[in-house]
Amino acid sequence: MNLKAKLKLSIDCQVGKRYSTYVRANIAKAHVLLSSPLRELSVALVGDLKMSQLHKQFMGIPGPTDVLTFPLEKDAGGRDLAGEVIVCVPEAERQARVAGTLARDEVLLYTLHGLLHLSGFDDRTRSGFRKMHRKEDEILSLLGIGPVFNPDDKPTAKAKSSRRMRTARQTKRAARKAGEH
């Protein structure tokens, strides 16, 4: 299989249209850096209400979350070839204010997180969580953006990491129940 094949990327913006060009350019580059077997990716930038509905429907958890990922097609080896990533733009904007990051970088981080899930990364264990988030920051650094998930040089990094760990644990518990990630 040619791992350098181009990613067919579509972005639907219910909200956050201003982030779509930035996300498109950087996710395409991230896909190349990952050498992912993924061939098609649909990204939906949504608001709190839509994300809350999806979060409740698929994870059984009320309220919005940052990102949901859905595999849509697999190859014979079980690798994802197509998938969808749903990003909650207002959540990204809120977390950017708390963390002192740019909202566009938070939106990109959430999209990249979904891409990593569809490329075989799994953050449901402590070691998988660390590996996946290190990979996010590694890719963002290679893209010239720098770490966003756990930027060592930001005073809010510890609080941000702690919040994300709590949110990730809640989502992972629901994912195990629902069989989704």
N, C-alpha and C. Protein backbone atom coordinates (compact mmCIF):
# COMPACT_ATOMS: atom_id res chain seq x y z
N MET A 1 0.84 -1.18 0.00
CA MET A 1 0.00 0.00 0.00
C MET A 1 0.88 1.24 0.00
N ASN A 2 0.54 2.18 -0.80
CA ASN A 2 1.28 3.44 -0.87
C ASN A 2 0.81 4.36 0.25
N LEU A 3 1.67 4.54 1.29
CA LEU A 3 1.29 5.36 2.43
C LEU A 3 1.41 6.84 2.15
N LYS A 4 1.93 7.22 1.02
CA LYS A 4 2.05 8.64 0.67
C LYS A 4 0.85 9.13 -0.13
N ALA A 5 -0.17 8.28 -0.27
CA ALA A 5 -1.35 8.69 -1.03
C ALA A 5 -1.98 9.90 -0.37
N LYS A 6 -2.56 10.74 -1.19
CA LYS A 6 -3.15 11.99 -0.72
C LYS A 6 -4.43 11.72 0.06
N LEU A 7 -4.64 12.54 1.07
CA LEU A 7 -5.84 12.47 1.88
C LEU A 7 -6.95 13.28 1.24
N LYS A 8 -8.11 12.66 1.06
CA LYS A 8 -9.29 13.39 0.61
C LYS A 8 -9.93 13.98 1.86
N LEU A 9 -9.86 15.30 1.97
CA LEU A 9 -10.28 16.00 3.17
C LEU A 9 -11.45 16.92 2.88
N SER A 10 -12.53 16.76 3.64
CA SER A 10 -13.65 17.69 3.53
C SER A 10 -13.92 18.30 4.90
N ILE A 11 -14.25 19.58 4.91
CA ILE A 11 -14.53 20.28 6.16
C ILE A 11 -15.88 20.96 6.03
N ASP A 12 -16.77 20.62 6.96
CA ASP A 12 -18.09 21.24 7.04
C ASP A 12 -18.09 22.16 8.25
N CYS A 13 -18.42 23.41 8.04
CA CYS A 13 -18.36 24.41 9.12
C CYS A 13 -19.75 24.90 9.48
N GLN A 14 -20.32 24.32 10.51
CA GLN A 14 -21.56 24.88 11.05
C GLN A 14 -21.22 26.16 11.82
N VAL A 15 -20.04 26.15 12.44
CA VAL A 15 -19.47 27.33 13.10
C VAL A 15 -17.97 27.29 12.83
N GLY A 16 -17.27 28.39 13.08
CA GLY A 16 -15.81 28.39 12.99
C GLY A 16 -15.23 28.34 11.60
N LYS A 17 -15.96 28.86 10.61
CA LYS A 17 -15.46 28.84 9.23
C LYS A 17 -14.07 29.47 9.12
N ARG A 18 -13.78 30.45 9.95
CA ARG A 18 -12.49 31.14 9.90
C ARG A 18 -11.31 30.20 10.19
N TYR A 19 -11.58 29.03 10.77
CA TYR A 19 -10.50 28.08 11.08
C TYR A 19 -10.28 27.04 9.97
N SER A 20 -11.18 26.96 9.02
CA SER A 20 -11.15 25.85 8.06
C SER A 20 -9.90 25.82 7.19
N THR A 21 -9.43 26.93 6.69
CA THR A 21 -8.24 26.94 5.84
C THR A 21 -7.01 26.51 6.63
N TYR A 22 -6.90 27.00 7.85
CA TYR A 22 -5.79 26.66 8.74
C TYR A 22 -5.79 25.15 9.05
N VAL A 23 -6.96 24.64 9.40
CA VAL A 23 -7.08 23.21 9.71
C VAL A 23 -6.77 22.38 8.47
N ARG A 24 -7.33 22.76 7.33
CA ARG A 24 -7.12 22.00 6.09
C ARG A 24 -5.63 21.89 5.76
N ALA A 25 -4.93 23.00 5.77
CA ALA A 25 -3.51 23.00 5.40
C ALA A 25 -2.68 22.15 6.37
N ASN A 26 -2.95 22.29 7.64
CA ASN A 26 -2.12 21.60 8.63
C ASN A 26 -2.47 20.12 8.80
N ILE A 27 -3.72 19.77 8.65
CA ILE A 27 -4.09 18.35 8.75
C ILE A 27 -3.55 17.58 7.55
N ALA A 28 -3.55 18.19 6.38
CA ALA A 28 -2.96 17.53 5.20
C ALA A 28 -1.48 17.25 5.43
N LYS A 29 -0.76 18.21 6.00
CA LYS A 29 0.67 18.02 6.31
C LYS A 29 0.85 16.97 7.41
N ALA A 30 0.00 17.01 8.43
CA ALA A 30 0.09 16.03 9.52
C ALA A 30 -0.14 14.62 8.99
N HIS A 31 -1.05 14.47 8.06
CA HIS A 31 -1.33 13.16 7.48
C HIS A 31 -0.08 12.60 6.80
N VAL A 32 0.63 13.45 6.09
CA VAL A 32 1.87 13.03 5.43
C VAL A 32 2.91 12.64 6.48
N LEU A 33 3.05 13.44 7.53
CA LEU A 33 4.02 13.13 8.59
C LEU A 33 3.72 11.80 9.28
N LEU A 34 2.45 11.46 9.41
CA LEU A 34 2.03 10.22 10.07
C LEU A 34 2.19 8.99 9.18
N SER A 35 2.23 9.18 7.88
CA SER A 35 2.17 8.05 6.94
C SER A 35 0.98 7.16 7.26
N SER A 36 -0.13 7.78 7.51
CA SER A 36 -1.36 7.09 7.89
C SER A 36 -2.01 6.41 6.69
N PRO A 37 -2.62 5.24 6.92
CA PRO A 37 -3.35 4.59 5.84
C PRO A 37 -4.68 5.28 5.53
N LEU A 38 -5.08 6.22 6.36
CA LEU A 38 -6.35 6.94 6.17
C LEU A 38 -6.35 7.64 4.81
N ARG A 39 -7.43 7.47 4.05
CA ARG A 39 -7.54 8.07 2.72
C ARG A 39 -8.60 9.16 2.64
N GLU A 40 -9.60 9.08 3.50
CA GLU A 40 -10.68 10.08 3.49
C GLU A 40 -10.96 10.53 4.91
N LEU A 41 -11.05 11.84 5.08
CA LEU A 41 -11.36 12.41 6.38
C LEU A 41 -12.37 13.52 6.21
N SER A 42 -13.44 13.41 6.95
CA SER A 42 -14.46 14.45 7.00
C SER A 42 -14.36 15.11 8.37
N VAL A 43 -14.24 16.43 8.38
CA VAL A 43 -14.16 17.19 9.63
C VAL A 43 -15.39 18.08 9.70
N ALA A 44 -16.07 18.05 10.84
CA ALA A 44 -17.22 18.92 11.06
C ALA A 44 -16.89 19.83 12.24
N LEU A 45 -16.95 21.13 12.00
CA LEU A 45 -16.77 22.13 13.05
C LEU A 45 -18.17 22.53 13.51
N VAL A 46 -18.49 22.20 14.77
CA VAL A 46 -19.84 22.38 15.27
C VAL A 46 -19.86 23.24 16.53
N GLY A 47 -21.07 23.63 16.93
CA GLY A 47 -21.27 24.40 18.15
C GLY A 47 -21.60 23.50 19.32
N ASP A 48 -21.83 24.13 20.47
CA ASP A 48 -22.10 23.39 21.70
C ASP A 48 -23.35 22.52 21.61
N LEU A 49 -24.42 23.04 21.04
CA LEU A 49 -25.68 22.29 20.99
C LEU A 49 -25.52 20.99 20.20
N LYS A 50 -24.96 21.08 19.00
CA LYS A 50 -24.77 19.88 18.16
C LYS A 50 -23.82 18.90 18.84
N MET A 51 -22.72 19.41 19.41
CA MET A 51 -21.77 18.52 20.07
C MET A 51 -22.42 17.86 21.29
N SER A 52 -23.22 18.60 22.03
CA SER A 52 -23.92 18.02 23.19
C SER A 52 -24.84 16.88 22.75
N GLN A 53 -25.56 17.09 21.64
CA GLN A 53 -26.45 16.05 21.13
C GLN A 53 -25.66 14.79 20.75
N LEU A 54 -24.56 14.99 20.03
CA LEU A 54 -23.74 13.85 19.60
C LEU A 54 -23.06 13.17 20.79
N HIS A 55 -22.59 13.94 21.73
CA HIS A 55 -21.92 13.40 22.91
C HIS A 55 -22.89 12.52 23.70
N LYS A 56 -24.12 12.98 23.87
CA LYS A 56 -25.13 12.21 24.58
C LYS A 56 -25.52 10.96 23.78
N GLN A 57 -25.72 11.13 22.48
CA GLN A 57 -26.16 10.02 21.62
C GLN A 57 -25.11 8.90 21.56
N PHE A 58 -23.85 9.25 21.37
CA PHE A 58 -22.84 8.23 21.13
C PHE A 58 -22.03 7.83 22.36
N MET A 59 -21.94 8.71 23.34
CA MET A 59 -21.12 8.40 24.51
C MET A 59 -21.96 8.30 25.79
N GLY A 60 -23.21 8.73 25.72
CA GLY A 60 -24.06 8.68 26.89
C GLY A 60 -23.73 9.72 27.95
N ILE A 61 -23.00 10.77 27.55
CA ILE A 61 -22.57 11.81 28.48
C ILE A 61 -23.23 13.13 28.08
N PRO A 62 -23.93 13.79 29.02
CA PRO A 62 -24.55 15.07 28.68
C PRO A 62 -23.52 16.18 28.55
N GLY A 63 -23.84 17.18 27.75
CA GLY A 63 -22.98 18.35 27.58
C GLY A 63 -21.98 18.16 26.45
N PRO A 64 -21.36 19.26 26.04
CA PRO A 64 -20.40 19.18 24.94
C PRO A 64 -19.09 18.54 25.38
N THR A 65 -18.34 18.08 24.42
CA THR A 65 -16.97 17.60 24.63
C THR A 65 -16.12 18.26 23.55
N ASP A 66 -14.83 18.08 23.61
CA ASP A 66 -13.95 18.76 22.65
C ASP A 66 -14.00 18.13 21.26
N VAL A 67 -13.94 16.80 21.19
CA VAL A 67 -13.84 16.13 19.88
C VAL A 67 -14.42 14.72 19.97
N LEU A 68 -15.08 14.30 18.91
CA LEU A 68 -15.54 12.93 18.75
C LEU A 68 -14.99 12.41 17.43
N THR A 69 -14.64 11.14 17.41
CA THR A 69 -14.05 10.52 16.23
C THR A 69 -14.84 9.27 15.86
N PHE A 70 -15.13 9.13 14.57
CA PHE A 70 -15.90 7.98 14.10
C PHE A 70 -15.20 7.34 12.90
N PRO A 71 -14.76 6.09 13.03
CA PRO A 71 -14.25 5.38 11.86
C PRO A 71 -15.41 5.02 10.95
N LEU A 72 -15.20 5.15 9.63
CA LEU A 72 -16.27 4.89 8.68
C LEU A 72 -15.99 3.71 7.75
N GLU A 73 -14.71 3.45 7.49
CA GLU A 73 -14.35 2.35 6.58
C GLU A 73 -12.99 1.80 6.98
N LYS A 74 -12.87 0.48 6.95
CA LYS A 74 -11.61 -0.19 7.31
C LYS A 74 -11.11 -1.03 6.15
N ASP A 75 -9.79 -1.26 6.13
CA ASP A 75 -9.23 -2.17 5.13
C ASP A 75 -9.27 -3.60 5.68
N ALA A 76 -8.79 -4.57 4.91
CA ALA A 76 -8.84 -5.97 5.32
C ALA A 76 -8.05 -6.23 6.60
N GLY A 77 -7.04 -5.38 6.87
CA GLY A 77 -6.23 -5.52 8.08
C GLY A 77 -6.81 -4.80 9.29
N GLY A 78 -7.98 -4.19 9.13
CA GLY A 78 -8.63 -3.51 10.24
C GLY A 78 -8.19 -2.06 10.44
N ARG A 79 -7.37 -1.54 9.51
CA ARG A 79 -6.94 -0.14 9.64
C ARG A 79 -8.01 0.77 9.04
N ASP A 80 -8.18 1.93 9.68
CA ASP A 80 -9.17 2.89 9.19
C ASP A 80 -8.71 3.53 7.89
N LEU A 81 -9.60 3.51 6.90
CA LEU A 81 -9.35 4.16 5.62
C LEU A 81 -10.13 5.45 5.47
N ALA A 82 -11.24 5.55 6.20
CA ALA A 82 -12.08 6.74 6.16
C ALA A 82 -12.66 6.97 7.54
N GLY A 83 -12.83 8.25 7.87
CA GLY A 83 -13.40 8.56 9.17
C GLY A 83 -13.89 9.98 9.24
N GLU A 84 -14.57 10.26 10.35
CA GLU A 84 -15.09 11.61 10.58
C GLU A 84 -14.65 12.09 11.95
N VAL A 85 -14.29 13.35 12.01
CA VAL A 85 -13.89 14.01 13.26
C VAL A 85 -14.83 15.19 13.46
N ILE A 86 -15.48 15.22 14.63
CA ILE A 86 -16.38 16.30 14.98
C ILE A 86 -15.68 17.15 16.04
N VAL A 87 -15.51 18.44 15.78
CA VAL A 87 -14.80 19.35 16.67
C VAL A 87 -15.77 20.41 17.19
N CYS A 88 -15.76 20.60 18.51
CA CYS A 88 -16.60 21.63 19.13
C CYS A 88 -15.81 22.93 19.20
N VAL A 89 -16.12 23.84 18.30
CA VAL A 89 -15.39 25.11 18.20
C VAL A 89 -15.53 25.96 19.46
N PRO A 90 -16.72 26.12 20.04
CA PRO A 90 -16.79 26.92 21.27
C PRO A 90 -15.95 26.33 22.40
N GLU A 91 -15.87 25.01 22.50
CA GLU A 91 -15.03 24.39 23.52
C GLU A 91 -13.56 24.71 23.26
N ALA A 92 -13.15 24.64 22.01
CA ALA A 92 -11.76 25.00 21.66
C ALA A 92 -11.47 26.45 22.03
N GLU A 93 -12.42 27.33 21.77
CA GLU A 93 -12.23 28.74 22.09
C GLU A 93 -12.16 28.96 23.59
N ARG A 94 -13.00 28.25 24.35
CA ARG A 94 -12.95 28.36 25.81
C ARG A 94 -11.62 27.87 26.36
N GLN A 95 -11.19 26.70 25.87
CA GLN A 95 -9.94 26.13 26.38
C GLN A 95 -8.73 26.96 25.96
N ALA A 96 -8.79 27.57 24.81
CA ALA A 96 -7.70 28.45 24.38
C ALA A 96 -7.55 29.63 25.33
N ARG A 97 -8.68 30.20 25.74
CA ARG A 97 -8.62 31.32 26.71
C ARG A 97 -8.01 30.87 28.03
N VAL A 98 -8.42 29.71 28.52
CA VAL A 98 -7.92 29.18 29.80
C VAL A 98 -6.42 28.88 29.70
N ALA A 99 -6.01 28.29 28.60
CA ALA A 99 -4.63 27.82 28.45
C ALA A 99 -3.68 28.87 27.89
N GLY A 100 -4.23 29.95 27.39
CA GLY A 100 -3.37 30.97 26.79
C GLY A 100 -2.82 30.56 25.44
N THR A 101 -3.59 29.75 24.71
CA THR A 101 -3.20 29.34 23.36
C THR A 101 -4.12 30.03 22.36
N LEU A 102 -3.82 29.88 21.09
CA LEU A 102 -4.68 30.42 20.04
C LEU A 102 -5.84 29.46 19.79
N ALA A 103 -7.03 30.00 19.60
CA ALA A 103 -8.21 29.16 19.34
C ALA A 103 -7.99 28.29 18.10
N ARG A 104 -7.38 28.85 17.07
CA ARG A 104 -7.16 28.06 15.85
C ARG A 104 -6.26 26.86 16.12
N ASP A 105 -5.31 27.01 17.05
CA ASP A 105 -4.43 25.89 17.40
C ASP A 105 -5.17 24.84 18.21
N GLU A 106 -6.11 25.25 19.05
CA GLU A 106 -6.94 24.29 19.79
C GLU A 106 -7.83 23.51 18.81
N VAL A 107 -8.44 24.21 17.86
CA VAL A 107 -9.28 23.53 16.86
C VAL A 107 -8.41 22.53 16.08
N LEU A 108 -7.22 22.94 15.70
CA LEU A 108 -6.31 22.04 14.99
C LEU A 108 -5.92 20.86 15.88
N LEU A 109 -5.62 21.12 17.15
CA LEU A 109 -5.27 20.04 18.09
C LEU A 109 -6.38 19.00 18.16
N TYR A 110 -7.62 19.44 18.28
CA TYR A 110 -8.74 18.50 18.37
C TYR A 110 -8.89 17.70 17.08
N THR A 111 -8.69 18.36 15.95
CA THR A 111 -8.77 17.66 14.67
C THR A 111 -7.63 16.65 14.54
N LEU A 112 -6.44 17.06 14.93
CA LEU A 112 -5.29 16.16 14.91
C LEU A 112 -5.52 14.97 15.84
N HIS A 113 -6.11 15.22 16.99
CA HIS A 113 -6.42 14.13 17.92
C HIS A 113 -7.29 13.07 17.23
N GLY A 114 -8.31 13.53 16.51
CA GLY A 114 -9.16 12.59 15.77
C GLY A 114 -8.39 11.86 14.69
N LEU A 115 -7.54 12.59 13.97
CA LEU A 115 -6.71 11.96 12.94
C LEU A 115 -5.83 10.87 13.55
N LEU A 116 -5.27 11.14 14.72
CA LEU A 116 -4.42 10.13 15.37
C LEU A 116 -5.24 8.90 15.76
N HIS A 117 -6.45 9.10 16.28
CA HIS A 117 -7.31 7.95 16.58
C HIS A 117 -7.52 7.11 15.33
N LEU A 118 -7.81 7.77 14.22
CA LEU A 118 -8.08 7.06 12.98
C LEU A 118 -6.81 6.47 12.36
N SER A 119 -5.65 6.85 12.90
CA SER A 119 -4.37 6.33 12.42
C SER A 119 -3.81 5.28 13.36
N GLY A 120 -4.63 4.82 14.30
CA GLY A 120 -4.22 3.71 15.16
C GLY A 120 -3.82 4.07 16.58
N PHE A 121 -3.83 5.33 16.94
CA PHE A 121 -3.49 5.72 18.31
C PHE A 121 -4.71 5.53 19.21
N ASP A 122 -4.45 5.18 20.45
CA ASP A 122 -5.52 4.92 21.41
C ASP A 122 -5.10 5.51 22.75
N ASP A 123 -5.90 6.41 23.30
CA ASP A 123 -5.54 7.07 24.55
C ASP A 123 -6.36 6.58 25.74
N ARG A 124 -6.85 5.35 25.67
CA ARG A 124 -7.68 4.83 26.77
C ARG A 124 -6.87 4.26 27.93
N THR A 125 -5.56 4.13 27.77
CA THR A 125 -4.70 3.73 28.89
C THR A 125 -3.78 4.90 29.21
N ARG A 126 -3.21 4.88 30.39
CA ARG A 126 -2.32 5.97 30.79
C ARG A 126 -1.13 6.08 29.83
N SER A 127 -0.52 4.94 29.47
CA SER A 127 0.63 5.00 28.57
C SER A 127 0.21 5.42 27.16
N GLY A 128 -0.94 4.92 26.71
CA GLY A 128 -1.45 5.33 25.40
C GLY A 128 -1.80 6.81 25.37
N PHE A 129 -2.33 7.31 26.47
CA PHE A 129 -2.67 8.72 26.60
C PHE A 129 -1.40 9.57 26.44
N ARG A 130 -0.35 9.21 27.18
CA ARG A 130 0.91 9.96 27.09
C ARG A 130 1.50 9.88 25.69
N LYS A 131 1.51 8.68 25.10
CA LYS A 131 2.08 8.49 23.77
C LYS A 131 1.34 9.33 22.73
N MET A 132 0.01 9.30 22.81
CA MET A 132 -0.79 10.02 21.82
C MET A 132 -0.60 11.53 21.93
N HIS A 133 -0.58 12.04 23.15
CA HIS A 133 -0.44 13.49 23.31
C HIS A 133 0.98 13.98 23.04
N ARG A 134 1.96 13.13 23.28
CA ARG A 134 3.33 13.48 22.87
C ARG A 134 3.40 13.56 21.35
N LYS A 135 2.73 12.63 20.68
CA LYS A 135 2.71 12.63 19.21
C LYS A 135 2.02 13.88 18.68
N GLU A 136 0.93 14.29 19.32
CA GLU A 136 0.25 15.52 18.91
C GLU A 136 1.22 16.70 18.97
N ASP A 137 1.88 16.86 20.10
CA ASP A 137 2.79 17.99 20.26
C ASP A 137 4.00 17.88 19.34
N GLU A 138 4.45 16.65 19.09
CA GLU A 138 5.57 16.45 18.15
C GLU A 138 5.16 16.91 16.74
N ILE A 139 4.00 16.50 16.30
CA ILE A 139 3.54 16.89 14.96
C ILE A 139 3.32 18.40 14.89
N LEU A 140 2.68 18.96 15.90
CA LEU A 140 2.45 20.40 15.90
C LEU A 140 3.77 21.17 15.90
N SER A 141 4.78 20.64 16.54
CA SER A 141 6.10 21.28 16.52
C SER A 141 6.72 21.17 15.13
N LEU A 142 6.60 20.00 14.50
CA LEU A 142 7.12 19.83 13.14
C LEU A 142 6.41 20.75 12.15
N LEU A 143 5.16 21.08 12.43
CA LEU A 143 4.40 21.98 11.57
C LEU A 143 4.75 23.45 11.83
N GLY A 144 5.60 23.69 12.84
CA GLY A 144 6.00 25.06 13.15
C GLY A 144 5.05 25.77 14.11
N ILE A 145 4.11 25.04 14.68
CA ILE A 145 3.13 25.62 15.60
C ILE A 145 3.63 25.52 17.04
N GLY A 146 4.27 24.43 17.35
CA GLY A 146 4.74 24.19 18.71
C GLY A 146 3.71 23.41 19.51
N PRO A 147 4.09 22.95 20.69
CA PRO A 147 3.17 22.15 21.50
C PRO A 147 1.94 22.96 21.91
N VAL A 148 0.79 22.31 21.87
CA VAL A 148 -0.46 22.96 22.27
C VAL A 148 -1.07 22.20 23.45
N PHE A 149 -1.05 20.87 23.40
CA PHE A 149 -1.69 20.09 24.45
C PHE A 149 -1.05 20.32 25.80
N ASN A 150 0.25 20.23 25.88
CA ASN A 150 0.95 20.37 27.15
C ASN A 150 2.20 21.21 26.96
N PRO A 151 2.04 22.47 26.60
CA PRO A 151 3.22 23.30 26.36
C PRO A 151 3.99 23.53 27.66
N ASP A 152 5.24 23.03 27.71
CA ASP A 152 6.04 23.11 28.92
C ASP A 152 6.33 24.55 29.35
N ASP A 153 6.33 25.47 28.41
CA ASP A 153 6.70 26.84 28.74
C ASP A 153 5.53 27.71 29.19
N LYS A 154 4.36 27.12 29.35
CA LYS A 154 3.20 27.91 29.77
C LYS A 154 2.87 27.61 31.22
N PRO A 155 2.63 28.64 32.04
CA PRO A 155 2.32 28.40 33.45
C PRO A 155 1.02 27.64 33.67
N THR A 156 0.12 27.65 32.70
CA THR A 156 -1.16 26.98 32.86
C THR A 156 -1.12 25.53 32.39
N ALA A 157 0.04 25.06 31.95
CA ALA A 157 0.12 23.72 31.37
C ALA A 157 -0.31 22.64 32.36
N LYS A 158 0.10 22.75 33.62
CA LYS A 158 -0.26 21.73 34.59
C LYS A 158 -1.77 21.67 34.80
N ALA A 159 -2.39 22.83 34.97
CA ALA A 159 -3.84 22.88 35.15
C ALA A 159 -4.55 22.37 33.91
N LYS A 160 -4.05 22.75 32.76
CA LYS A 160 -4.66 22.33 31.49
C LYS A 160 -4.56 20.81 31.34
N SER A 161 -3.38 20.26 31.64
CA SER A 161 -3.18 18.82 31.53
C SER A 161 -4.08 18.08 32.51
N SER A 162 -4.22 18.61 33.72
CA SER A 162 -5.08 17.99 34.72
C SER A 162 -6.53 17.97 34.26
N ARG A 163 -7.02 19.08 33.71
CA ARG A 163 -8.39 19.15 33.21
C ARG A 163 -8.60 18.16 32.09
N ARG A 164 -7.64 18.09 31.20
CA ARG A 164 -7.78 17.17 30.07
C ARG A 164 -7.75 15.73 30.53
N MET A 165 -6.95 15.42 31.55
CA MET A 165 -6.91 14.05 32.07
C MET A 165 -8.28 13.67 32.62
N ARG A 166 -8.92 14.58 33.39
CA ARG A 166 -10.24 14.29 33.94
C ARG A 166 -11.25 14.09 32.82
N THR A 167 -11.27 14.99 31.86
CA THR A 167 -12.20 14.89 30.74
C THR A 167 -11.94 13.62 29.94
N ALA A 168 -10.68 13.32 29.71
CA ALA A 168 -10.32 12.12 28.94
C ALA A 168 -10.78 10.86 29.66
N ARG A 169 -10.61 10.81 30.98
CA ARG A 169 -11.04 9.62 31.73
C ARG A 169 -12.55 9.44 31.64
N GLN A 170 -13.32 10.54 31.76
CA GLN A 170 -14.77 10.44 31.67
C GLN A 170 -15.17 9.94 30.29
N THR A 171 -14.57 10.49 29.26
CA THR A 171 -14.91 10.10 27.89
C THR A 171 -14.50 8.66 27.63
N LYS A 172 -13.35 8.24 28.13
CA LYS A 172 -12.87 6.88 27.91
C LYS A 172 -13.78 5.85 28.57
N ARG A 173 -14.24 6.15 29.77
CA ARG A 173 -15.17 5.24 30.43
C ARG A 173 -16.42 5.05 29.58
N ALA A 174 -16.97 6.14 29.09
CA ALA A 174 -18.16 6.06 28.24
C ALA A 174 -17.85 5.36 26.94
N ALA A 175 -16.65 5.58 26.40
CA ALA A 175 -16.27 4.95 25.12
C ALA A 175 -16.20 3.44 25.28
N ARG A 176 -15.65 2.99 26.40
CA ARG A 176 -15.59 1.54 26.63
C ARG A 176 -16.99 0.95 26.67
N LYS A 177 -17.91 1.69 27.31
CA LYS A 177 -19.29 1.21 27.37
C LYS A 177 -19.93 1.20 25.99
N ALA A 178 -19.65 2.23 25.20
CA ALA A 178 -20.29 2.37 23.89
C ALA A 178 -19.53 1.69 22.76
N GLY A 179 -18.27 1.33 23.01
CA GLY A 179 -17.46 0.71 21.97
C GLY A 179 -16.94 1.71 20.93
N GLU A 180 -17.01 3.01 21.23
CA GLU A 180 -16.54 4.06 20.32
C GLU A 180 -15.30 4.70 20.91
N HIS A 181 -14.60 5.50 20.11
CA HIS A 181 -13.52 6.33 20.64
C HIS A 181 -13.58 7.69 20.02
